[in-house]
Amino acid sequence: MKLLLDKIDFFDPIYLSKKHSVNGWFHDFSYEFEFGKSYLLTSLETQQNETLSYLISGLAEPSKGSLLLDERPYTHQQRRQDSWLVRRDEIKRFA
């Protein structure tokens, strides 16, 4: 299975709570991920990593472009159902 991010634009902040938001952005971003592999998300802008994660997981929607799973549209609802949000507090608790 392959997940394709095809020409994604994203510029809006993602509000996670009243005190915390993510302000990463993407312009015409494309990348293909293969299911079953682990990826380390890195960037010069640290919030880019979080934003990409939120786009893939369905917590945010791109303003332009599409996400395709095996060449079929991968909807926001499908991504939310298939993903699990792991926050720093959960990582600390289980470490």
C-alpha atoms as a PDB file:
ATOM      1  CA  MET A   1       0.000   0.000   0.000  1.00  0.00           C
ATOM      2  CA  LYS A   2       1.232   3.480  -0.849  1.00  0.00           C
ATOM      3  CA  LEU A   3       0.165   6.870   0.451  1.00  0.00           C
ATOM      4  CA  LEU A   4       0.747   9.728  -1.963  1.00  0.00           C
ATOM      5  CA  LEU A   5       0.623  13.354  -0.908  1.00  0.00           C
ATOM      6  CA  ASP A   6       0.089  15.092  -4.229  1.00  0.00           C
ATOM      7  CA  LYS A   7       0.834  18.817  -4.577  1.00  0.00           C
ATOM      8  CA  ILE A   8      -0.274  19.714  -1.051  1.00  0.00           C
ATOM      9  CA  ASP A   9      -0.706  23.341   0.030  1.00  0.00           C
ATOM     10  CA  PHE A  10      -1.277  24.100   3.700  1.00  0.00           C
ATOM     11  CA  PHE A  11      -0.916  27.496   5.400  1.00  0.00           C
ATOM     12  CA  ASP A  12      -3.442  27.591   8.268  1.00  0.00           C
ATOM     13  CA  PRO A  13      -2.535  27.173  11.941  1.00  0.00           C
ATOM     14  CA  ILE A  14      -3.753  23.996  13.619  1.00  0.00           C
ATOM     15  CA  TYR A  15      -5.245  24.742  17.046  1.00  0.00           C
ATOM     16  CA  LEU A  16      -4.646  21.798  19.375  1.00  0.00           C
ATOM     17  CA  SER A  17      -5.847  23.639  22.474  1.00  0.00           C
ATOM     18  CA  LYS A  18      -6.373  27.213  23.634  1.00  0.00           C
ATOM     19  CA  LYS A  19      -2.653  27.481  24.427  1.00  0.00           C
ATOM     20  CA  HIS A  20      -1.014  25.326  21.768  1.00  0.00           C
ATOM     21  CA  SER A  21      -1.104  25.636  18.004  1.00  0.00           C
ATOM     22  CA  VAL A  22       1.066  24.413  15.137  1.00  0.00           C
ATOM     23  CA  ASN A  23       1.998  26.813  12.347  1.00  0.00           C
ATOM     24  CA  GLY A  24       3.756  24.634   9.791  1.00  0.00           C
ATOM     25  CA  TRP A  25       3.166  25.261   6.097  1.00  0.00           C
ATOM     26  CA  PHE A  26       3.561  23.440   2.782  1.00  0.00           C
ATOM     27  CA  HIS A  27       3.460  24.668  -0.798  1.00  0.00           C
ATOM     28  CA  ASP A  28       3.155  22.242  -3.708  1.00  0.00           C
ATOM     29  CA  PHE A  29       4.525  19.398  -1.543  1.00  0.00           C
ATOM     30  CA  SER A  30       4.476  15.846  -2.921  1.00  0.00           C
ATOM     31  CA  TYR A  31       5.804  12.650  -1.393  1.00  0.00           C
ATOM     32  CA  GLU A  32       4.994   8.940  -1.506  1.00  0.00           C
ATOM     33  CA  PHE A  33       5.034   6.873   1.683  1.00  0.00           C
ATOM     34  CA  GLU A  34       4.989   3.085   1.726  1.00  0.00           C
ATOM     35  CA  PHE A  35       2.879   1.367   4.395  1.00  0.00           C
ATOM     36  CA  GLY A  36       4.793  -0.914   6.745  1.00  0.00           C
ATOM     37  CA  LYS A  37       7.850   1.328   6.858  1.00  0.00           C
ATOM     38  CA  SER A  38       8.845   3.775   9.564  1.00  0.00           C
ATOM     39  CA  TYR A  39       9.705   7.334   8.617  1.00  0.00           C
ATOM     40  CA  LEU A  40      11.587   9.931  10.623  1.00  0.00           C
ATOM     41  CA  LEU A  41      10.041  13.320   9.907  1.00  0.00           C
ATOM     42  CA  THR A  42      12.658  16.059  10.080  1.00  0.00           C
ATOM     43  CA  SER A  43      12.840  19.624   8.839  1.00  0.00           C
ATOM     44  CA  LEU A  44      14.570  22.908   9.537  1.00  0.00           C
ATOM     45  CA  GLU A  45      11.247  24.236  10.785  1.00  0.00           C
ATOM     46  CA  THR A  46      10.227  21.979  13.676  1.00  0.00           C
ATOM     47  CA  GLN A  47       6.510  22.617  13.273  1.00  0.00           C
ATOM     48  CA  GLN A  48       6.661  21.312   9.709  1.00  0.00           C
ATOM     49  CA  ASN A  49       7.047  17.802  11.140  1.00  0.00           C
ATOM     50  CA  GLU A  50       3.969  18.101  13.327  1.00  0.00           C
ATOM     51  CA  THR A  51       1.931  19.662  10.532  1.00  0.00           C
ATOM     52  CA  LEU A  52       2.797  16.846   8.138  1.00  0.00           C
ATOM     53  CA  SER A  53       1.806  14.303  10.777  1.00  0.00           C
ATOM     54  CA  TYR A  54      -1.530  16.063  11.338  1.00  0.00           C
ATOM     55  CA  LEU A  55      -2.223  16.197   7.593  1.00  0.00           C
ATOM     56  CA  ILE A  56      -1.534  12.476   7.177  1.00  0.00           C
ATOM     57  CA  SER A  57      -3.620  11.557  10.222  1.00  0.00           C
ATOM     58  CA  GLY A  58      -6.633  13.623   9.200  1.00  0.00           C
ATOM     59  CA  LEU A  59      -6.397  16.174  12.012  1.00  0.00           C
ATOM     60  CA  ALA A  60      -5.859  18.841   9.349  1.00  0.00           C
ATOM     61  CA  GLU A  61      -6.950  19.198   5.748  1.00  0.00           C
ATOM     62  CA  PRO A  62      -4.816  20.674   2.971  1.00  0.00           C
ATOM     63  CA  SER A  63      -6.130  23.805   1.277  1.00  0.00           C
ATOM     64  CA  LYS A  64      -5.010  22.373  -2.071  1.00  0.00           C
ATOM     65  CA  GLY A  65      -3.841  19.004  -3.333  1.00  0.00           C
ATOM     66  CA  SER A  66      -4.873  15.488  -2.442  1.00  0.00           C
ATOM     67  CA  LEU A  67      -3.956  12.447  -0.398  1.00  0.00           C
ATOM     68  CA  LEU A  68      -4.263   9.160  -2.250  1.00  0.00           C
ATOM     69  CA  LEU A  69      -4.089   5.642  -0.846  1.00  0.00           C
ATOM     70  CA  ASP A  70      -3.214   3.174  -3.591  1.00  0.00           C
ATOM     71  CA  GLU A  71      -4.224   5.800  -6.174  1.00  0.00           C
ATOM     72  CA  ARG A  72      -7.680   6.334  -4.616  1.00  0.00           C
ATOM     73  CA  PRO A  73      -8.782   9.376  -2.622  1.00  0.00           C
ATOM     74  CA  TYR A  74      -7.940   8.937   1.070  1.00  0.00           C
ATOM     75  CA  THR A  75     -10.605  10.968   2.850  1.00  0.00           C
ATOM     76  CA  HIS A  76     -10.330  12.885   6.073  1.00  0.00           C
ATOM     77  CA  GLN A  77     -12.692  10.404   7.774  1.00  0.00           C
ATOM     78  CA  GLN A  78     -10.679   7.385   6.600  1.00  0.00           C
ATOM     79  CA  ARG A  79      -7.424   8.915   7.807  1.00  0.00           C
ATOM     80  CA  ARG A  80      -8.907   9.706  11.244  1.00  0.00           C
ATOM     81  CA  GLN A  81     -10.191   6.143  11.549  1.00  0.00           C
ATOM     82  CA  ASP A  82      -6.823   4.636  10.526  1.00  0.00           C
ATOM     83  CA  SER A  83      -4.635   6.822  12.747  1.00  0.00           C
ATOM     84  CA  TRP A  84      -3.798   7.065  16.420  1.00  0.00           C
ATOM     85  CA  LEU A  85      -2.611  10.329  17.946  1.00  0.00           C
ATOM     86  CA  VAL A  86       0.401   9.923  20.222  1.00  0.00           C
ATOM     87  CA  ARG A  87       1.223  13.072  22.128  1.00  0.00           C
ATOM     88  CA  ARG A  88       4.310  13.805  24.184  1.00  0.00           C
ATOM     89  CA  ASP A  89       2.446  13.204  27.456  1.00  0.00           C
ATOM     90  CA  GLU A  90       1.457   9.709  26.306  1.00  0.00           C
ATOM     91  CA  ILE A  91       5.031   8.956  25.273  1.00  0.00           C
ATOM     92  CA  LYS A  92       6.329  10.042  28.708  1.00  0.00           C
ATOM     93  CA  ARG A  93       3.722   7.948  30.496  1.00  0.00           C
ATOM     94  CA  PHE A  94       4.656   4.776  28.609  1.00  0.00           C
ATOM     95  CA  ALA A  95       8.432   5.291  28.607  1.00  0.00           C
END
